[in-house]
Amino acid sequence: ILMKAVIIEIQGEVIHGSGAVLDHDAERMTALQSMGFDVFLVTHDMLNDSKQLDTIVRSVCDRLGIRYKAKTEAMKSAETRLRANVLCNWLEIGISRRQGARTT
């Protein structure tokens, strides 16, 4: 059985990085595409926007031949909570914990 595959790459340093990072990413993406992979470049802002994230999920489903199933209200609520926890600034979490330990 031949399985289809896509690659989802979260862009971070590319947005703020040097031209060398962009060149490297472009070379890697071209190589992956030449091997038959569909590559989705996704930014933090795209993941943090429910409409854009839904568009990405629908596109991945289309490319993989998977039927998209609409999210229930409970799923949307859980996704919002998950996004708030995962896409926060992790450096601030460490700082607030250290500061809390000093003040108690």
PDB file of N, CA and C in Angstrom:
ATOM      1  N   ILE A   1       0.853  -1.184   0.000  1.00  0.00           N
ATOM      2  CA  ILE A   1       0.000   0.000   0.000  1.00  0.00           C
ATOM      3  C   ILE A   1       0.892   1.238   0.000  1.00  0.00           C
ATOM      4  N   LEU A   2       0.606   2.141  -0.910  1.00  0.00           N
ATOM      5  CA  LEU A   2       1.359   3.385  -0.998  1.00  0.00           C
ATOM      6  C   LEU A   2       0.638   4.461  -0.189  1.00  0.00           C
ATOM      7  N   MET A   3       1.324   5.018   0.774  1.00  0.00           N
ATOM      8  CA  MET A   3       0.737   6.052   1.619  1.00  0.00           C
ATOM      9  C   MET A   3       1.162   7.428   1.102  1.00  0.00           C
ATOM     10  N   LYS A   4       0.232   8.329   1.038  1.00  0.00           N
ATOM     11  CA  LYS A   4       0.561   9.710   0.705  1.00  0.00           C
ATOM     12  C   LYS A   4       1.127  10.371   1.944  1.00  0.00           C
ATOM     13  N   ALA A   5       1.936  11.393   1.746  1.00  0.00           N
ATOM     14  CA  ALA A   5       2.506  12.106   2.887  1.00  0.00           C
ATOM     15  C   ALA A   5       2.647  13.582   2.549  1.00  0.00           C
ATOM     16  N   VAL A   6       2.501  14.396   3.565  1.00  0.00           N
ATOM     17  CA  VAL A   6       2.780  15.815   3.448  1.00  0.00           C
ATOM     18  C   VAL A   6       3.718  16.194   4.587  1.00  0.00           C
ATOM     19  N   ILE A   7       4.412  17.275   4.399  1.00  0.00           N
ATOM     20  CA  ILE A   7       5.305  17.789   5.435  1.00  0.00           C
ATOM     21  C   ILE A   7       4.794  19.168   5.832  1.00  0.00           C
ATOM     22  N   ILE A   8       4.620  19.354   7.115  1.00  0.00           N
ATOM     23  CA  ILE A   8       4.195  20.654   7.639  1.00  0.00           C
ATOM     24  C   ILE A   8       5.382  21.218   8.394  1.00  0.00           C
ATOM     25  N   GLU A   9       5.881  22.338   7.920  1.00  0.00           N
ATOM     26  CA  GLU A   9       7.049  22.960   8.538  1.00  0.00           C
ATOM     27  C   GLU A   9       6.638  24.258   9.198  1.00  0.00           C
ATOM     28  N   ILE A  10       6.890  24.338  10.484  1.00  0.00           N
ATOM     29  CA  ILE A  10       6.573  25.539  11.248  1.00  0.00           C
ATOM     30  C   ILE A  10       7.725  26.518  11.069  1.00  0.00           C
ATOM     31  N   GLN A  11       7.401  27.683  10.568  1.00  0.00           N
ATOM     32  CA  GLN A  11       8.407  28.706  10.314  1.00  0.00           C
ATOM     33  C   GLN A  11       8.634  29.549  11.562  1.00  0.00           C
ATOM     34  N   GLY A  12       9.847  29.695  11.942  1.00  0.00           N
ATOM     35  CA  GLY A  12      10.183  30.528  13.088  1.00  0.00           C
ATOM     36  C   GLY A  12      11.264  31.500  12.701  1.00  0.00           C
ATOM     37  N   GLU A  13      12.482  30.992  12.665  1.00  0.00           N
ATOM     38  CA  GLU A  13      13.634  31.831  12.387  1.00  0.00           C
ATOM     39  C   GLU A  13      13.589  32.422  10.982  1.00  0.00           C
ATOM     40  N   VAL A  14      12.894  31.762  10.066  1.00  0.00           N
ATOM     41  CA  VAL A  14      12.799  32.269   8.704  1.00  0.00           C
ATOM     42  C   VAL A  14      12.203  33.666   8.690  1.00  0.00           C
ATOM     43  N   ILE A  15      11.234  33.888   9.554  1.00  0.00           N
ATOM     44  CA  ILE A  15      10.559  35.179   9.581  1.00  0.00           C
ATOM     45  C   ILE A  15      11.519  36.280  10.033  1.00  0.00           C
ATOM     46  N   HIS A  16      12.376  35.965  10.990  1.00  0.00           N
ATOM     47  CA  HIS A  16      13.272  36.966  11.555  1.00  0.00           C
ATOM     48  C   HIS A  16      14.738  36.690  11.256  1.00  0.00           C
ATOM     49  N   GLY A  17      15.009  35.586  10.575  1.00  0.00           N
ATOM     50  CA  GLY A  17      16.390  35.145  10.389  1.00  0.00           C
ATOM     51  C   GLY A  17      17.084  35.794   9.205  1.00  0.00           C
ATOM     52  N   SER A  18      18.260  35.276   8.939  1.00  0.00           N
ATOM     53  CA  SER A  18      19.106  35.825   7.881  1.00  0.00           C
ATOM     54  C   SER A  18      18.738  35.230   6.530  1.00  0.00           C
ATOM     55  N   GLY A  19      19.326  35.788   5.481  1.00  0.00           N
ATOM     56  CA  GLY A  19      19.143  35.261   4.137  1.00  0.00           C
ATOM     57  C   GLY A  19      19.644  33.836   4.017  1.00  0.00           C
ATOM     58  N   ALA A  20      20.674  33.482   4.781  1.00  0.00           N
ATOM     59  CA  ALA A  20      21.213  32.119   4.737  1.00  0.00           C
ATOM     60  C   ALA A  20      20.164  31.109   5.189  1.00  0.00           C
ATOM     61  N   VAL A  21      19.368  31.477   6.194  1.00  0.00           N
ATOM     62  CA  VAL A  21      18.305  30.591   6.666  1.00  0.00           C
ATOM     63  C   VAL A  21      17.262  30.421   5.566  1.00  0.00           C
ATOM     64  N   LEU A  22      16.901  31.512   4.913  1.00  0.00           N
ATOM     65  CA  LEU A  22      15.924  31.443   3.830  1.00  0.00           C
ATOM     66  C   LEU A  22      16.428  30.572   2.690  1.00  0.00           C
ATOM     67  N   ASP A  23      17.699  30.724   2.329  1.00  0.00           N
ATOM     68  CA  ASP A  23      18.288  29.921   1.260  1.00  0.00           C
ATOM     69  C   ASP A  23      18.251  28.441   1.619  1.00  0.00           C
ATOM     70  N   HIS A  24      18.642  28.125   2.841  1.00  0.00           N
ATOM     71  CA  HIS A  24      18.652  26.729   3.295  1.00  0.00           C
ATOM     72  C   HIS A  24      17.254  26.141   3.257  1.00  0.00           C
ATOM     73  N   ASP A  25      16.256  26.877   3.749  1.00  0.00           N
ATOM     74  CA  ASP A  25      14.876  26.399   3.748  1.00  0.00           C
ATOM     75  C   ASP A  25      14.368  26.197   2.326  1.00  0.00           C
ATOM     76  N   ALA A  26      14.705  27.119   1.425  1.00  0.00           N
ATOM     77  CA  ALA A  26      14.267  26.992   0.031  1.00  0.00           C
ATOM     78  C   ALA A  26      14.881  25.761  -0.619  1.00  0.00           C
ATOM     79  N   GLU A  27      16.147  25.499  -0.342  1.00  0.00           N
ATOM     80  CA  GLU A  27      16.811  24.313  -0.898  1.00  0.00           C
ATOM     81  C   GLU A  27      16.174  23.036  -0.353  1.00  0.00           C
ATOM     82  N   ARG A  28      15.925  23.009   0.943  1.00  0.00           N
ATOM     83  CA  ARG A  28      15.317  21.832   1.565  1.00  0.00           C
ATOM     84  C   ARG A  28      13.905  21.600   1.017  1.00  0.00           C
ATOM     85  N   MET A  29      13.135  22.675   0.886  1.00  0.00           N
ATOM     86  CA  MET A  29      11.773  22.554   0.388  1.00  0.00           C
ATOM     87  C   MET A  29      11.769  22.049  -1.056  1.00  0.00           C
ATOM     88  N   THR A  30      12.652  22.565  -1.875  1.00  0.00           N
ATOM     89  CA  THR A  30      12.751  22.123  -3.268  1.00  0.00           C
ATOM     90  C   THR A  30      13.125  20.648  -3.343  1.00  0.00           C
ATOM     91  N   ALA A  31      14.073  20.224  -2.505  1.00  0.00           N
ATOM     92  CA  ALA A  31      14.479  18.813  -2.485  1.00  0.00           C
ATOM     93  C   ALA A  31      13.308  17.922  -2.069  1.00  0.00           C
ATOM     94  N   LEU A  32      12.572  18.320  -1.043  1.00  0.00           N
ATOM     95  CA  LEU A  32      11.429  17.528  -0.583  1.00  0.00           C
ATOM     96  C   LEU A  32      10.342  17.454  -1.648  1.00  0.00           C
ATOM     97  N   GLN A  33      10.097  18.577  -2.313  1.00  0.00           N
ATOM     98  CA  GLN A  33       9.085  18.586  -3.370  1.00  0.00           C
ATOM     99  C   GLN A  33       9.522  17.717  -4.550  1.00  0.00           C
ATOM    100  N   SER A  34      10.816  17.695  -4.839  1.00  0.00           N
ATOM    101  CA  SER A  34      11.308  16.861  -5.945  1.00  0.00           C
ATOM    102  C   SER A  34      11.161  15.376  -5.626  1.00  0.00           C
ATOM    103  N   MET A  35      11.053  15.041  -4.341  1.00  0.00           N
ATOM    104  CA  MET A  35      10.832  13.656  -3.926  1.00  0.00           C
ATOM    105  C   MET A  35       9.342  13.322  -3.841  1.00  0.00           C
ATOM    106  N   GLY A  36       8.495  14.275  -4.196  1.00  0.00           N
ATOM    107  CA  GLY A  36       7.061  14.028  -4.239  1.00  0.00           C
ATOM    108  C   GLY A  36       6.281  14.450  -3.016  1.00  0.00           C
ATOM    109  N   PHE A  37       6.942  15.108  -2.066  1.00  0.00           N
ATOM    110  CA  PHE A  37       6.237  15.563  -0.863  1.00  0.00           C
ATOM    111  C   PHE A  37       5.607  16.932  -1.098  1.00  0.00           C
ATOM    112  N   ASP A  38       4.407  17.104  -0.590  1.00  0.00           N
ATOM    113  CA  ASP A  38       3.814  18.434  -0.526  1.00  0.00           C
ATOM    114  C   ASP A  38       4.300  19.062   0.769  1.00  0.00           C
ATOM    115  N   VAL A  39       4.811  20.284   0.685  1.00  0.00           N
ATOM    116  CA  VAL A  39       5.343  20.964   1.860  1.00  0.00           C
ATOM    117  C   VAL A  39       4.459  22.165   2.166  1.00  0.00           C
ATOM    118  N   PHE A  40       3.979  22.219   3.395  1.00  0.00           N
ATOM    119  CA  PHE A  40       3.187  23.350   3.861  1.00  0.00           C
ATOM    120  C   PHE A  40       4.060  24.171   4.807  1.00  0.00           C
ATOM    121  N   LEU A  41       4.291  25.421   4.469  1.00  0.00           N
ATOM    122  CA  LEU A  41       5.031  26.326   5.347  1.00  0.00           C
ATOM    123  C   LEU A  41       4.010  27.072   6.188  1.00  0.00           C
ATOM    124  N   VAL A  42       4.134  26.960   7.502  1.00  0.00           N
ATOM    125  CA  VAL A  42       3.140  27.505   8.419  1.00  0.00           C
ATOM    126  C   VAL A  42       3.841  28.399   9.437  1.00  0.00           C
ATOM    127  N   THR A  43       3.264  29.555   9.691  1.00  0.00           N
ATOM    128  CA  THR A  43       3.827  30.475  10.681  1.00  0.00           C
ATOM    129  C   THR A  43       3.050  30.390  11.991  1.00  0.00           C
ATOM    130  N   HIS A  44       3.628  30.954  13.022  1.00  0.00           N
ATOM    131  CA  HIS A  44       2.975  31.040  14.333  1.00  0.00           C
ATOM    132  C   HIS A  44       1.624  31.730  14.198  1.00  0.00           C
ATOM    133  N   ASP A  45       1.594  32.831  13.460  1.00  0.00           N
ATOM    134  CA  ASP A  45       0.342  33.577  13.304  1.00  0.00           C
ATOM    135  C   ASP A  45      -0.736  32.740  12.616  1.00  0.00           C
ATOM    136  N   MET A  46      -0.329  31.912  11.645  1.00  0.00           N
ATOM    137  CA  MET A  46      -1.295  31.054  10.960  1.00  0.00           C
ATOM    138  C   MET A  46      -1.872  30.020  11.918  1.00  0.00           C
ATOM    139  N   LEU A  47      -1.032  29.461  12.774  1.00  0.00           N
ATOM    140  CA  LEU A  47      -1.514  28.484  13.754  1.00  0.00           C
ATOM    141  C   LEU A  47      -2.401  29.125  14.800  1.00  0.00           C
ATOM    142  N   ASN A  48      -2.138  30.375  15.094  1.00  0.00           N
ATOM    143  CA  ASN A  48      -2.857  31.080  16.149  1.00  0.00           C
ATOM    144  C   ASN A  48      -4.192  31.643  15.667  1.00  0.00           C
ATOM    145  N   ASP A  49      -4.456  31.566  14.372  1.00  0.00           N
ATOM    146  CA  ASP A  49      -5.707  32.069  13.807  1.00  0.00           C
ATOM    147  C   ASP A  49      -6.574  30.869  13.426  1.00  0.00           C
ATOM    148  N   SER A  50      -7.724  30.729  14.067  1.00  0.00           N
ATOM    149  CA  SER A  50      -8.540  29.527  13.865  1.00  0.00           C
ATOM    150  C   SER A  50      -8.975  29.352  12.410  1.00  0.00           C
ATOM    151  N   LYS A  51      -9.269  30.432  11.710  1.00  0.00           N
ATOM    152  CA  LYS A  51      -9.693  30.314  10.303  1.00  0.00           C
ATOM    153  C   LYS A  51      -8.539  29.858   9.418  1.00  0.00           C
ATOM    154  N   GLN A  52      -7.356  30.420   9.647  1.00  0.00           N
ATOM    155  CA  GLN A  52      -6.206  30.001   8.855  1.00  0.00           C
ATOM    156  C   GLN A  52      -5.817  28.560   9.166  1.00  0.00           C
ATOM    157  N   LEU A  53      -5.877  28.186  10.444  1.00  0.00           N
ATOM    158  CA  LEU A  53      -5.566  26.808  10.819  1.00  0.00           C
ATOM    159  C   LEU A  53      -6.547  25.848  10.171  1.00  0.00           C
ATOM    160  N   ASP A  54      -7.815  26.202  10.146  1.00  0.00           N
ATOM    161  CA  ASP A  54      -8.823  25.360   9.518  1.00  0.00           C
ATOM    162  C   ASP A  54      -8.540  25.207   8.024  1.00  0.00           C
ATOM    163  N   THR A  55      -8.107  26.279   7.377  1.00  0.00           N
ATOM    164  CA  THR A  55      -7.758  26.224   5.952  1.00  0.00           C
ATOM    165  C   THR A  55      -6.592  25.267   5.721  1.00  0.00           C
ATOM    166  N   ILE A  56      -5.590  25.323   6.600  1.00  0.00           N
ATOM    167  CA  ILE A  56      -4.434  24.423   6.493  1.00  0.00           C
ATOM    168  C   ILE A  56      -4.888  22.973   6.649  1.00  0.00           C
ATOM    169  N   VAL A  57      -5.704  22.709   7.661  1.00  0.00           N
ATOM    170  CA  VAL A  57      -6.184  21.342   7.919  1.00  0.00           C
ATOM    171  C   VAL A  57      -6.979  20.830   6.712  1.00  0.00           C
ATOM    172  N   ARG A  58      -7.833  21.666   6.157  1.00  0.00           N
ATOM    173  CA  ARG A  58      -8.619  21.269   4.981  1.00  0.00           C
ATOM    174  C   ARG A  58      -7.697  20.971   3.793  1.00  0.00           C
ATOM    175  N   SER A  59      -6.676  21.787   3.607  1.00  0.00           N
ATOM    176  CA  SER A  59      -5.740  21.570   2.501  1.00  0.00           C
ATOM    177  C   SER A  59      -4.972  20.265   2.670  1.00  0.00           C
ATOM    178  N   VAL A  60      -4.521  19.990   3.893  1.00  0.00           N
ATOM    179  CA  VAL A  60      -3.810  18.737   4.162  1.00  0.00           C
ATOM    180  C   VAL A  60      -4.744  17.548   3.902  1.00  0.00           C
ATOM    181  N   CYS A  61      -5.972  17.640   4.367  1.00  0.00           N
ATOM    182  CA  CYS A  61      -6.938  16.560   4.114  1.00  0.00           C
ATOM    183  C   CYS A  61      -7.122  16.338   2.614  1.00  0.00           C
ATOM    184  N   ASP A  62      -7.272  17.415   1.865  1.00  0.00           N
ATOM    185  CA  ASP A  62      -7.437  17.297   0.408  1.00  0.00           C
ATOM    186  C   ASP A  62      -6.240  16.602  -0.230  1.00  0.00           C
ATOM    187  N   ARG A  63      -5.042  17.020   0.157  1.00  0.00           N
ATOM    188  CA  ARG A  63      -3.826  16.432  -0.425  1.00  0.00           C
ATOM    189  C   ARG A  63      -3.682  14.959  -0.086  1.00  0.00           C
ATOM    190  N   LEU A  64      -4.142  14.570   1.105  1.00  0.00           N
ATOM    191  CA  LEU A  64      -4.011  13.181   1.544  1.00  0.00           C
ATOM    192  C   LEU A  64      -5.214  12.323   1.162  1.00  0.00           C
ATOM    193  N   GLY A  65      -6.247  12.964   0.613  1.00  0.00           N
ATOM    194  CA  GLY A  65      -7.438  12.216   0.243  1.00  0.00           C
ATOM    195  C   GLY A  65      -8.256  11.778   1.440  1.00  0.00           C
ATOM    196  N   ILE A  66      -8.184  12.569   2.503  1.00  0.00           N
ATOM    197  CA  ILE A  66      -8.914  12.268   3.739  1.00  0.00           C
ATOM    198  C   ILE A  66     -10.135  13.188   3.812  1.00  0.00           C
ATOM    199  N   ARG A  67     -11.254  12.633   4.234  1.00  0.00           N
ATOM    200  CA  ARG A  67     -12.462  13.445   4.378  1.00  0.00           C
ATOM    201  C   ARG A  67     -12.315  14.359   5.593  1.00  0.00           C
ATOM    202  N   TYR A  68     -12.536  15.641   5.393  1.00  0.00           N
ATOM    203  CA  TYR A  68     -12.488  16.615   6.490  1.00  0.00           C
ATOM    204  C   TYR A  68     -13.760  16.478   7.319  1.00  0.00           C
ATOM    205  N   LYS A  69     -13.590  16.433   8.622  1.00  0.00           N
ATOM    206  CA  LYS A  69     -14.733  16.372   9.528  1.00  0.00           C
ATOM    207  C   LYS A  69     -14.792  17.680  10.306  1.00  0.00           C
ATOM    208  N   ALA A  70     -15.905  18.374  10.194  1.00  0.00           N
ATOM    209  CA  ALA A  70     -16.065  19.658  10.875  1.00  0.00           C
ATOM    210  C   ALA A  70     -15.962  19.475  12.387  1.00  0.00           C
ATOM    211  N   LYS A  71     -15.398  20.479  13.051  1.00  0.00           N
ATOM    212  CA  LYS A  71     -15.220  20.426  14.500  1.00  0.00           C
ATOM    213  C   LYS A  71     -16.524  20.778  15.209  1.00  0.00           C
ATOM    214  N   THR A  72     -16.755  20.081  16.307  1.00  0.00           N
ATOM    215  CA  THR A  72     -17.893  20.424  17.160  1.00  0.00           C
ATOM    216  C   THR A  72     -17.519  21.661  17.978  1.00  0.00           C
ATOM    217  N   GLU A  73     -18.492  22.241  18.635  1.00  0.00           N
ATOM    218  CA  GLU A  73     -18.211  23.399  19.489  1.00  0.00           C
ATOM    219  C   GLU A  73     -17.245  23.022  20.609  1.00  0.00           C
ATOM    220  N   ALA A  74     -17.397  21.826  21.167  1.00  0.00           N
ATOM    221  CA  ALA A  74     -16.489  21.364  22.228  1.00  0.00           C
ATOM    222  C   ALA A  74     -15.066  21.231  21.697  1.00  0.00           C
ATOM    223  N   MET A  75     -14.927  20.728  20.474  1.00  0.00           N
ATOM    224  CA  MET A  75     -13.597  20.598  19.866  1.00  0.00           C
ATOM    225  C   MET A  75     -12.976  21.972  19.625  1.00  0.00           C
ATOM    226  N   LYS A  76     -13.788  22.918  19.157  1.00  0.00           N
ATOM    227  CA  LYS A  76     -13.288  24.280  18.917  1.00  0.00           C
ATOM    228  C   LYS A  76     -12.815  24.916  20.219  1.00  0.00           C
ATOM    229  N   SER A  77     -13.577  24.701  21.286  1.00  0.00           N
ATOM    230  CA  SER A  77     -13.214  25.249  22.595  1.00  0.00           C
ATOM    231  C   SER A  77     -11.904  24.628  23.096  1.00  0.00           C
ATOM    232  N   ALA A  78     -11.783  23.306  22.958  1.00  0.00           N
ATOM    233  CA  ALA A  78     -10.557  22.614  23.383  1.00  0.00           C
ATOM    234  C   ALA A  78      -9.361  23.088  22.551  1.00  0.00           C
ATOM    235  N   GLU A  79      -9.583  23.301  21.264  1.00  0.00           N
ATOM    236  CA  GLU A  79      -8.509  23.787  20.391  1.00  0.00           C
ATOM    237  C   GLU A  79      -8.037  25.174  20.821  1.00  0.00           C
ATOM    238  N   THR A  80      -8.960  26.037  21.179  1.00  0.00           N
ATOM    239  CA  THR A  80      -8.607  27.387  21.634  1.00  0.00           C
ATOM    240  C   THR A  80      -7.766  27.333  22.899  1.00  0.00           C
ATOM    241  N   ARG A  81      -8.159  26.480  23.846  1.00  0.00           N
ATOM    242  CA  ARG A  81      -7.385  26.333  25.084  1.00  0.00           C
ATOM    243  C   ARG A  81      -5.996  25.762  24.794  1.00  0.00           C
ATOM    244  N   LEU A  82      -5.934  24.756  23.945  1.00  0.00           N
ATOM    245  CA  LEU A  82      -4.652  24.152  23.590  1.00  0.00           C
ATOM    246  C   LEU A  82      -3.739  25.169  22.917  1.00  0.00           C
ATOM    247  N   ARG A  83      -4.304  25.929  21.989  1.00  0.00           N
ATOM    248  CA  ARG A  83      -3.517  26.940  21.279  1.00  0.00           C
ATOM    249  C   ARG A  83      -2.966  27.977  22.255  1.00  0.00           C
ATOM    250  N   ALA A  84      -3.763  28.381  23.238  1.00  0.00           N
ATOM    251  CA  ALA A  84      -3.307  29.367  24.227  1.00  0.00           C
ATOM    252  C   ALA A  84      -2.143  28.825  25.048  1.00  0.00           C
ATOM    253  N   ASN A  85      -2.170  27.543  25.358  1.00  0.00           N
ATOM    254  CA  ASN A  85      -1.102  26.942  26.158  1.00  0.00           C
ATOM    255  C   ASN A  85       0.151  26.639  25.355  1.00  0.00           C
ATOM    256  N   VAL A  86      -0.015  26.172  24.145  1.00  0.00           N
ATOM    257  CA  VAL A  86       1.136  25.750  23.335  1.00  0.00           C
ATOM    258  C   VAL A  86       1.810  26.924  22.641  1.00  0.00           C
ATOM    259  N   LEU A  87       1.034  27.889  22.182  1.00  0.00           N
ATOM    260  CA  LEU A  87       1.596  28.976  21.392  1.00  0.00           C
ATOM    261  C   LEU A  87       1.941  30.212  22.210  1.00  0.00           C
ATOM    262  N   CYS A  88       2.023  30.068  23.518  1.00  0.00           N
ATOM    263  CA  CYS A  88       2.415  31.190  24.361  1.00  0.00           C
ATOM    264  C   CYS A  88       3.936  31.352  24.311  1.00  0.00           C
ATOM    265  N   ASN A  89       4.429  32.397  24.899  1.00  0.00           N
ATOM    266  CA  ASN A  89       5.874  32.623  24.960  1.00  0.00           C
ATOM    267  C   ASN A  89       6.439  31.786  26.103  1.00  0.00           C
ATOM    268  N   TRP A  90       7.112  30.698  25.756  1.00  0.00           N
ATOM    269  CA  TRP A  90       7.611  29.773  26.763  1.00  0.00           C
ATOM    270  C   TRP A  90       8.677  30.400  27.640  1.00  0.00           C
ATOM    271  N   LEU A  91       9.392  31.393  27.143  1.00  0.00           N
ATOM    272  CA  LEU A  91      10.404  32.064  27.957  1.00  0.00           C
ATOM    273  C   LEU A  91       9.757  32.806  29.115  1.00  0.00           C
ATOM    274  N   GLU A  92       8.586  33.380  28.867  1.00  0.00           N
ATOM    275  CA  GLU A  92       7.882  34.097  29.930  1.00  0.00           C
ATOM    276  C   GLU A  92       7.392  33.140  31.015  1.00  0.00           C
ATOM    277  N   ILE A  93       7.055  31.920  30.649  1.00  0.00           N
ATOM    278  CA  ILE A  93       6.616  30.932  31.639  1.00  0.00           C
ATOM    279  C   ILE A  93       7.745  30.688  32.633  1.00  0.00           C
ATOM    280  N   GLY A  94       8.953  30.474  32.120  1.00  0.00           N
ATOM    281  CA  GLY A  94      10.105  30.241  32.990  1.00  0.00           C
ATOM    282  C   GLY A  94      10.406  31.430  33.872  1.00  0.00           C
ATOM    283  N   ILE A  95      10.272  32.635  33.338  1.00  0.00           N
ATOM    284  CA  ILE A  95      10.547  33.841  34.113  1.00  0.00           C
ATOM    285  C   ILE A  95       9.516  34.004  35.219  1.00  0.00           C
ATOM    286  N   SER A  96       8.236  33.806  34.892  1.00  0.00           N
ATOM    287  CA  SER A  96       7.198  34.013  35.910  1.00  0.00           C
ATOM    288  C   SER A  96       7.315  32.983  37.025  1.00  0.00           C
ATOM    289  N   ARG A  97       7.708  31.756  36.697  1.00  0.00           N
ATOM    290  CA  ARG A  97       7.885  30.745  37.747  1.00  0.00           C
ATOM    291  C   ARG A  97       9.053  31.101  38.646  1.00  0.00           C
ATOM    292  N   ARG A  98      10.157  31.553  38.041  1.00  0.00           N
ATOM    293  CA  ARG A  98      11.330  31.915  38.865  1.00  0.00           C
ATOM    294  C   ARG A  98      11.008  33.119  39.745  1.00  0.00           C
ATOM    295  N   GLN A  99      10.286  34.091  39.196  1.00  0.00           N
ATOM    296  CA  GLN A  99       9.940  35.265  39.992  1.00  0.00           C
ATOM    297  C   GLN A  99       8.990  34.888  41.126  1.00  0.00           C
ATOM    298  N   GLY A 100       8.047  33.979  40.850  1.00  0.00           N
ATOM    299  CA  GLY A 100       7.109  33.522  41.877  1.00  0.00           C
ATOM    300  C   GLY A 100       7.839  32.816  43.007  1.00  0.00           C
ATOM    301  N   ALA A 101       8.878  32.082  42.656  1.00  0.00           N
ATOM    302  CA  ALA A 101       9.651  31.347  43.683  1.00  0.00           C
ATOM    303  C   ALA A 101      10.418  32.334  44.571  1.00  0.00           C
ATOM    304  N   ARG A 102      10.839  33.451  44.021  1.00  0.00           N
ATOM    305  CA  ARG A 102      11.599  34.430  44.800  1.00  0.00           C
ATOM    306  C   ARG A 102      10.719  35.213  45.752  1.00  0.00           C
ATOM    307  N   THR A 103       9.468  35.444  45.358  1.00  0.00           N
ATOM    308  CA  THR A 103       8.618  36.293  46.183  1.00  0.00           C
ATOM    309  C   THR A 103       7.921  35.530  47.294  1.00  0.00           C
ATOM    310  N   THR A 104       7.905  34.203  47.235  1.00  0.00           N
ATOM    311  CA  THR A 104       7.210  33.447  48.281  1.00  0.00           C
ATOM    312  C   THR A 104       8.167  32.997  49.346  1.00  0.00           C
TER     313      THR A 104
END
